Amino acid sequence: MADTPKFRISRVDDARGRPVRDLRISVTDRCNFRCPYCMPAEVFGEHYTFLPREEILTFEEIARLARVFVSLGVRKVRITGGEPLLRTDLVGLVTRLRAIDGIDDLTLTTNGLLLARHAEALARAGLDRVTVSLDSVDPDVFRALSGRNVELADVLAGVDAAAAAGLTPIKLNCVVQRGVNVDGIEALCERFRGTGHIVRFIEFMDVGTLNGWDLSKVVPAREILDLVNARFPIRPIEPGYRGEVARRYAYEDGGGEIGVIASVTAPFCGDCTRARLSTRGDLVTCLFANQDLNLRAALRAGEDDDALANLIARRWRGRDDRYSEERNARTPDVPAPRIEMFRIGG
């Protein structure tokens, strides 16, 4: 029988009238890649100290908090990392989350390296879909951007395994950087046209403080779309739901669709309904946040579900985040302090 919370709080909106609808849960801060825009190898070397086990939320704690978030209006839950498939028995967490009444969409974001061995079990446990981070289908560029001596073929095998297991539609996220992988945009489209998978091109964002972000490295969404359209004509289509971050485009010949996430040139803060739960149990209300709310401490202090719900609701009601909309008002060469992406997922 599905788990249901014993309490109910009416819809919770933030200071700008945005409800909480999406919860992204980072289950580990560890990763088997060292992507330069997230966990650069020169910072996260072999001697880097990740969070000890006792500071990481247990699956029981994650499931309990997820039930509380559902009581506040959350309907979509995404498991992230780090690389979530490094967390032992992730299938067990999926089973726990699937049992929660009210979660309409349960998804996973992964780099795909370990996906082939886990896809079928994840699907049986109740996972709905996967998103795979894939910045290039050129093996050499892929290897350079992963920061590890890994094989593109292993990730593509993971995508195929996920498709065979029914974890669809599969979304493939490509972070586009000028001078790095712009030349591979057409190849990504060509590789996945007609498969039912959706390639989403993401403007290089200043997430965290370690990725060397510079506005000159950002390839605007308009430029990306022009490159695609020149090879494969596309047309805009309607968003699937309020708050969808990607602008959707369909191939004119019926070959499927792509998406473009323009957080830098066309911010979508006004419709952001995402809350993030960090690896150590912090509530983070914006991808670019520099503050969080420690929920783990409340959990382990014995607070009941009503107290947890009220704690979360108070923080969400006070939320006024709109970092991307305010980015241009900030002096570009004076970075604001931010939480690193590998602790809160994408």
Protein backbone atom coordinates (compact mmCIF):
# COMPACT_ATOMS: atom_id res chain seq x y z
CA MET A 1 0.00 0.00 0.00
CA ALA A 2 1.27 3.48 -0.84
CA ASP A 3 2.52 5.59 2.01
CA THR A 4 0.48 8.70 2.73
CA PRO A 5 1.33 11.52 5.09
CA LYS A 6 -0.80 11.87 8.20
CA PHE A 7 -1.00 15.62 7.80
CA ARG A 8 -1.85 18.07 5.08
CA ILE A 9 -0.85 21.67 4.53
CA SER A 10 -2.57 23.62 1.78
CA ARG A 11 -0.61 24.74 -1.25
CA VAL A 12 2.59 26.56 -0.31
CA ASP A 13 3.66 29.49 -2.50
CA ASP A 14 6.84 31.51 -2.19
CA ALA A 15 7.10 35.31 -2.02
CA ARG A 16 6.63 35.49 -5.81
CA GLY A 17 3.63 33.17 -5.96
CA ARG A 18 5.59 30.12 -7.13
CA PRO A 19 4.39 26.80 -5.66
CA VAL A 20 6.74 23.99 -4.71
CA ARG A 21 6.16 21.23 -7.27
CA ASP A 22 9.56 19.64 -7.96
CA LEU A 23 12.03 18.10 -5.52
CA ARG A 24 15.58 17.22 -6.55
CA ILE A 25 17.37 14.91 -4.15
CA SER A 26 21.15 14.59 -4.19
CA VAL A 27 21.99 11.16 -2.78
CA THR A 28 25.80 11.44 -2.92
CA ASP A 29 28.47 14.07 -3.41
CA ARG A 30 30.78 11.54 -5.08
CA CYS A 31 31.19 11.13 -8.82
CA ASN A 32 33.19 8.93 -11.18
CA PHE A 33 33.60 11.81 -13.64
CA ARG A 34 35.51 15.06 -13.23
CA CYS A 35 33.65 17.34 -15.58
CA PRO A 36 35.42 20.73 -15.71
CA TYR A 37 32.16 22.67 -15.24
CA CYS A 38 31.18 20.77 -12.08
CA MET A 39 34.01 18.86 -10.36
CA PRO A 40 37.29 19.91 -12.00
CA ALA A 41 40.02 17.31 -11.48
CA GLU A 42 42.54 19.86 -10.24
CA VAL A 43 40.26 20.56 -7.26
CA PHE A 44 38.68 17.15 -6.71
CA GLY A 45 41.77 15.00 -6.83
CA GLU A 46 42.39 11.60 -5.25
CA HIS A 47 42.95 13.16 -1.83
CA TYR A 48 39.76 15.24 -1.82
CA THR A 49 37.62 14.49 1.24
CA PHE A 50 33.96 13.83 0.52
CA LEU A 51 31.22 13.75 3.14
CA PRO A 52 31.51 10.95 5.71
CA ARG A 53 28.67 8.44 5.77
CA GLU A 54 27.20 9.74 9.03
CA GLU A 55 26.61 13.17 7.47
CA ILE A 56 24.69 11.78 4.52
CA LEU A 57 20.94 11.23 4.72
CA THR A 58 19.86 7.61 4.99
CA PHE A 59 17.27 6.28 2.54
CA GLU A 60 14.73 6.19 5.36
CA GLU A 61 15.39 9.88 6.08
CA ILE A 62 15.18 10.78 2.39
CA ALA A 63 11.86 8.96 1.98
CA ARG A 64 10.44 10.61 5.08
CA LEU A 65 11.37 14.08 3.88
CA ALA A 66 10.02 13.29 0.42
CA ARG A 67 6.63 12.41 1.97
CA VAL A 68 6.65 15.74 3.80
CA PHE A 69 7.45 17.61 0.58
CA VAL A 70 4.62 15.78 -1.19
CA SER A 71 2.25 17.01 1.51
CA LEU A 72 3.29 20.55 0.56
CA GLY A 73 2.58 20.08 -3.14
CA VAL A 74 5.56 18.30 -4.67
CA ARG A 75 4.56 15.98 -7.53
CA LYS A 76 7.87 15.42 -9.34
CA VAL A 77 10.93 13.91 -7.66
CA ARG A 78 14.34 13.63 -9.32
CA ILE A 79 17.26 11.67 -7.88
CA THR A 80 20.61 13.34 -8.54
CA GLY A 81 24.18 13.47 -7.22
CA GLY A 82 27.15 13.62 -7.68
CA GLU A 83 26.62 10.43 -9.61
CA PRO A 84 23.61 8.77 -7.96
CA LEU A 85 24.40 5.29 -9.27
CA LEU A 86 27.46 5.25 -7.01
CA ARG A 87 25.14 5.13 -3.99
CA THR A 88 24.79 1.53 -2.77
CA ASP A 89 21.34 0.01 -3.33
CA LEU A 90 19.85 3.00 -5.11
CA VAL A 91 17.14 0.62 -6.29
CA GLY A 92 16.02 0.39 -2.66
CA LEU A 93 15.52 4.15 -2.52
CA VAL A 94 13.54 4.11 -5.75
CA THR A 95 11.28 1.44 -4.23
CA ARG A 96 10.72 3.60 -1.13
CA LEU A 97 9.95 6.72 -3.17
CA ARG A 98 7.65 4.89 -5.57
CA ALA A 99 5.53 3.83 -2.57
CA ILE A 100 4.74 7.46 -1.73
CA ASP A 101 1.24 8.40 -2.85
CA GLY A 102 1.29 11.70 -4.74
CA ILE A 103 4.56 11.39 -6.68
CA ASP A 104 3.49 11.49 -10.32
CA ASP A 105 6.93 11.52 -11.90
CA LEU A 106 10.02 9.79 -10.44
CA THR A 107 13.21 10.34 -12.42
CA LEU A 108 16.98 10.03 -12.26
CA THR A 109 19.82 12.14 -13.65
CA THR A 110 23.04 10.23 -14.31
CA ASN A 111 26.23 10.41 -16.35
CA GLY A 112 25.22 7.02 -17.72
CA LEU A 113 28.47 5.16 -17.14
CA LEU A 114 26.87 2.60 -14.79
CA LEU A 115 23.38 2.76 -16.25
CA ALA A 116 23.53 -0.41 -18.35
CA ARG A 117 23.96 -2.61 -15.28
CA HIS A 118 21.17 -0.92 -13.28
CA ALA A 119 18.51 0.18 -15.80
CA GLU A 120 16.30 -2.91 -15.66
CA ALA A 121 16.30 -3.08 -11.85
CA LEU A 122 15.52 0.64 -11.59
CA ALA A 123 12.58 0.23 -13.93
CA ARG A 124 11.25 -2.74 -11.96
CA ALA A 125 11.52 -0.67 -8.76
CA GLY A 126 9.29 2.01 -10.26
CA LEU A 127 11.57 4.64 -11.80
CA ASP A 128 9.76 6.44 -14.63
CA ARG A 129 12.51 8.08 -16.69
CA VAL A 130 16.20 8.93 -16.86
CA THR A 131 18.16 11.97 -17.97
CA VAL A 132 21.72 11.34 -19.11
CA SER A 133 24.40 14.04 -19.14
CA LEU A 134 26.15 13.77 -22.49
CA ASP A 135 28.22 16.70 -23.75
CA SER A 136 29.52 15.13 -26.96
CA VAL A 137 29.29 12.03 -29.14
CA ASP A 138 32.88 12.50 -30.26
CA PRO A 139 34.85 9.95 -28.18
CA ASP A 140 37.86 12.23 -27.69
CA VAL A 141 35.82 15.30 -26.75
CA PHE A 142 33.65 13.18 -24.49
CA ARG A 143 36.71 11.79 -22.70
CA ALA A 144 38.17 15.27 -22.22
CA LEU A 145 34.89 16.66 -20.87
CA SER A 146 34.37 13.73 -18.51
CA GLY A 147 37.79 14.34 -16.98
CA ARG A 148 38.36 10.59 -16.88
CA ASN A 149 39.62 7.87 -19.20
CA VAL A 150 36.11 6.52 -19.83
CA GLU A 151 34.48 5.22 -22.97
CA LEU A 152 31.61 6.93 -24.75
CA ALA A 153 30.41 3.48 -25.83
CA ASP A 154 29.67 2.56 -22.21
CA VAL A 155 27.40 5.57 -21.79
CA LEU A 156 25.62 4.89 -25.09
CA ALA A 157 25.10 1.30 -23.95
CA GLY A 158 23.51 2.71 -20.80
CA VAL A 159 21.15 4.83 -22.89
CA ASP A 160 20.17 1.78 -24.93
CA ALA A 161 19.61 -0.27 -21.77
CA ALA A 162 17.41 2.43 -20.29
CA ALA A 163 15.36 2.57 -23.47
CA ALA A 164 14.97 -1.23 -23.47
CA ALA A 165 13.82 -1.08 -19.83
CA GLY A 166 11.16 1.49 -20.68
CA LEU A 167 12.75 4.45 -18.84
CA THR A 168 11.53 6.82 -21.50
CA PRO A 169 11.45 9.41 -22.91
CA ILE A 170 15.18 9.68 -22.29
CA LYS A 171 16.58 13.21 -22.13
CA LEU A 172 20.22 13.85 -22.98
CA ASN A 173 21.68 17.02 -21.47
CA CYS A 174 24.55 18.76 -23.26
CA VAL A 175 26.24 21.77 -21.64
CA VAL A 176 27.48 23.88 -24.56
CA GLN A 177 30.71 25.85 -24.17
CA ARG A 178 32.29 28.07 -26.80
CA GLY A 179 35.52 26.64 -28.08
CA VAL A 180 34.83 23.28 -26.47
CA ASN A 181 31.91 21.37 -27.99
CA VAL A 182 29.94 23.75 -30.23
CA ASP A 183 31.13 21.84 -33.29
CA GLY A 184 29.42 18.72 -31.97
CA ILE A 185 25.89 20.10 -31.77
CA GLU A 186 24.81 18.78 -35.18
CA ALA A 187 26.36 15.37 -34.48
CA LEU A 188 24.37 15.03 -31.26
CA CYS A 189 21.16 15.84 -33.11
CA GLU A 190 21.99 13.40 -35.89
CA ARG A 191 22.88 10.60 -33.46
CA PHE A 192 19.55 10.73 -31.61
CA ARG A 193 17.06 11.88 -34.28
CA GLY A 194 14.39 9.25 -34.75
CA THR A 195 15.14 7.45 -31.49
CA GLY A 196 12.50 9.14 -29.37
CA HIS A 197 15.24 10.55 -27.13
CA ILE A 198 15.33 14.31 -26.55
CA VAL A 199 18.65 16.18 -26.73
CA ARG A 200 18.63 19.30 -24.57
CA PHE A 201 21.30 21.95 -25.09
CA ILE A 202 22.11 23.95 -21.96
CA GLU A 203 23.78 27.35 -21.84
CA PHE A 204 26.95 27.20 -19.73
CA MET A 205 25.88 28.46 -16.29
CA ASP A 206 27.82 29.94 -13.38
CA VAL A 207 26.79 27.21 -10.95
CA GLY A 208 29.06 26.95 -7.94
CA THR A 209 32.39 28.77 -7.84
CA LEU A 210 34.89 26.28 -9.28
CA ASN A 211 34.05 25.92 -12.95
CA GLY A 212 35.85 28.97 -14.37
CA TRP A 213 32.63 30.42 -15.74
CA ASP A 214 32.96 33.40 -18.03
CA LEU A 215 30.24 35.03 -20.12
CA SER A 216 32.44 34.74 -23.21
CA LYS A 217 32.15 30.92 -22.96
CA VAL A 218 28.35 31.03 -23.12
CA VAL A 219 26.82 30.04 -26.45
CA PRO A 220 23.40 31.74 -26.54
CA ALA A 221 20.34 29.61 -27.16
CA ARG A 222 19.59 31.57 -30.34
CA GLU A 223 22.95 30.60 -31.80
CA ILE A 224 22.41 26.95 -30.87
CA LEU A 225 19.01 26.93 -32.52
CA ASP A 226 20.38 28.55 -35.67
CA LEU A 227 23.06 25.86 -35.93
CA VAL A 228 20.50 23.09 -35.56
CA ASN A 229 17.98 24.69 -37.89
CA ALA A 230 20.56 25.11 -40.65
CA ARG A 231 21.03 21.33 -40.77
CA PHE A 232 17.70 20.03 -39.49
CA PRO A 233 14.81 22.52 -39.80
CA ILE A 234 12.89 22.89 -36.53
CA ARG A 235 9.82 24.69 -35.23
CA PRO A 236 8.84 25.72 -31.70
CA ILE A 237 6.26 23.65 -29.83
CA GLU A 238 4.30 24.29 -26.66
CA PRO A 239 5.80 23.50 -23.23
CA GLY A 240 4.60 20.33 -21.58
CA TYR A 241 3.79 22.03 -18.27
CA ARG A 242 4.20 25.27 -16.34
CA GLY A 243 7.77 25.72 -15.18
CA GLU A 244 9.36 23.49 -17.83
CA VAL A 245 12.92 24.75 -18.08
CA ALA A 246 13.59 23.73 -21.68
CA ARG A 247 12.09 25.50 -24.65
CA ARG A 248 10.93 22.73 -26.98
CA TYR A 249 11.45 22.45 -30.74
CA ALA A 250 10.28 19.72 -33.10
CA TYR A 251 12.04 18.63 -36.27
CA GLU A 252 9.95 19.63 -39.27
CA ASP A 253 10.38 16.17 -40.80
CA GLY A 254 8.97 14.40 -37.75
CA GLY A 255 12.33 13.16 -36.45
CA GLY A 256 11.52 14.04 -32.85
CA GLU A 257 12.37 17.06 -30.74
CA ILE A 258 15.16 18.95 -29.00
CA GLY A 259 15.19 21.39 -26.11
CA VAL A 260 17.23 24.45 -25.22
CA ILE A 261 17.74 25.63 -21.65
CA ALA A 262 18.60 29.33 -21.75
CA SER A 263 19.23 30.12 -18.09
CA VAL A 264 21.72 32.85 -18.97
CA THR A 265 20.16 34.70 -21.92
CA ALA A 266 16.48 34.06 -21.15
CA PRO A 267 16.06 33.33 -17.42
CA PHE A 268 12.98 31.42 -16.31
CA CYS A 269 13.06 32.28 -12.61
CA GLY A 270 9.45 33.47 -12.69
CA ASP A 271 8.17 29.92 -13.14
CA CYS A 272 10.72 28.04 -11.02
CA THR A 273 9.00 25.52 -8.74
CA ARG A 274 12.10 23.50 -7.73
CA ALA A 275 13.33 22.71 -4.26
CA ARG A 276 16.61 20.85 -3.74
CA LEU A 277 17.63 18.51 -0.95
CA SER A 278 21.39 18.29 -0.63
CA THR A 279 23.41 15.18 0.15
CA ARG A 280 23.65 16.13 3.81
CA GLY A 281 20.00 17.09 4.15
CA ASP A 282 19.96 20.81 3.47
CA LEU A 283 16.98 22.46 1.79
CA VAL A 284 18.27 24.66 -1.04
CA THR A 285 15.74 26.90 -2.78
CA CYS A 286 17.77 27.88 -5.86
CA LEU A 287 20.46 26.27 -8.00
CA PHE A 288 22.56 29.39 -7.39
CA ALA A 289 21.83 29.66 -3.66
CA ASN A 290 24.41 30.66 -1.07
CA GLN A 291 22.27 29.66 1.92
CA ASP A 292 20.46 26.52 2.99
CA LEU A 293 18.25 25.14 5.76
CA ASN A 294 19.54 22.12 7.69
CA LEU A 295 16.71 19.57 7.74
CA ARG A 296 18.93 16.70 8.84
CA ALA A 297 19.41 18.29 12.24
CA ALA A 298 15.64 18.57 12.71
CA LEU A 299 15.14 14.97 11.60
CA ARG A 300 17.74 13.59 13.96
CA ALA A 301 16.55 15.78 16.83
CA GLY A 302 13.26 13.87 16.72
CA GLU A 303 10.98 16.49 15.14
CA ASP A 304 7.70 15.01 13.94
CA ASP A 305 6.35 15.32 10.39
CA ASP A 306 4.18 18.31 11.21
CA ALA A 307 7.16 20.21 12.56
CA LEU A 308 9.23 19.32 9.49
CA ALA A 309 6.41 20.43 7.17
CA ASN A 310 6.08 23.75 8.93
CA LEU A 311 9.85 24.27 8.86
CA ILE A 312 9.94 23.68 5.11
CA ALA A 313 6.80 25.73 4.47
CA ARG A 314 8.21 28.73 6.35
CA ARG A 315 11.40 28.65 4.32
CA TRP A 316 9.55 28.26 1.03
CA ARG A 317 7.10 31.07 1.80
CA GLY A 318 10.06 33.38 2.36
CA ARG A 319 11.77 32.34 -0.88
CA ASP A 320 12.49 35.26 -3.21
CA ASP A 321 15.23 33.69 -5.36
CA ARG A 322 15.68 34.96 -8.90
CA TYR A 323 19.42 34.77 -9.36
CA SER A 324 19.47 34.40 -13.14
CA GLU A 325 17.27 37.44 -13.61
CA GLU A 326 19.61 39.49 -11.42
CA ARG A 327 22.87 38.15 -12.89
CA ASN A 328 23.54 41.16 -15.14
CA ALA A 329 23.24 43.57 -12.22
CA ARG A 330 26.16 41.86 -10.52
CA THR A 331 29.78 42.77 -11.28
CA PRO A 332 30.91 39.84 -13.46
CA ASP A 333 34.41 39.58 -12.03
CA VAL A 334 33.22 39.47 -8.40
CA PRO A 335 31.54 36.05 -8.07
CA ALA A 336 28.88 35.67 -5.42
CA PRO A 337 29.30 32.79 -2.96
CA ARG A 338 27.28 29.76 -4.06
CA ILE A 339 26.78 26.13 -3.09
CA GLU A 340 28.69 23.77 -5.38
CA MET A 341 26.54 21.86 -7.87
CA PHE A 342 27.85 18.40 -6.98
CA ARG A 343 26.24 18.76 -3.52
CA ILE A 344 22.78 19.67 -4.80
CA GLY A 345 22.54 18.17 -8.29
CA GLY A 346 21.62 20.06 -11.43
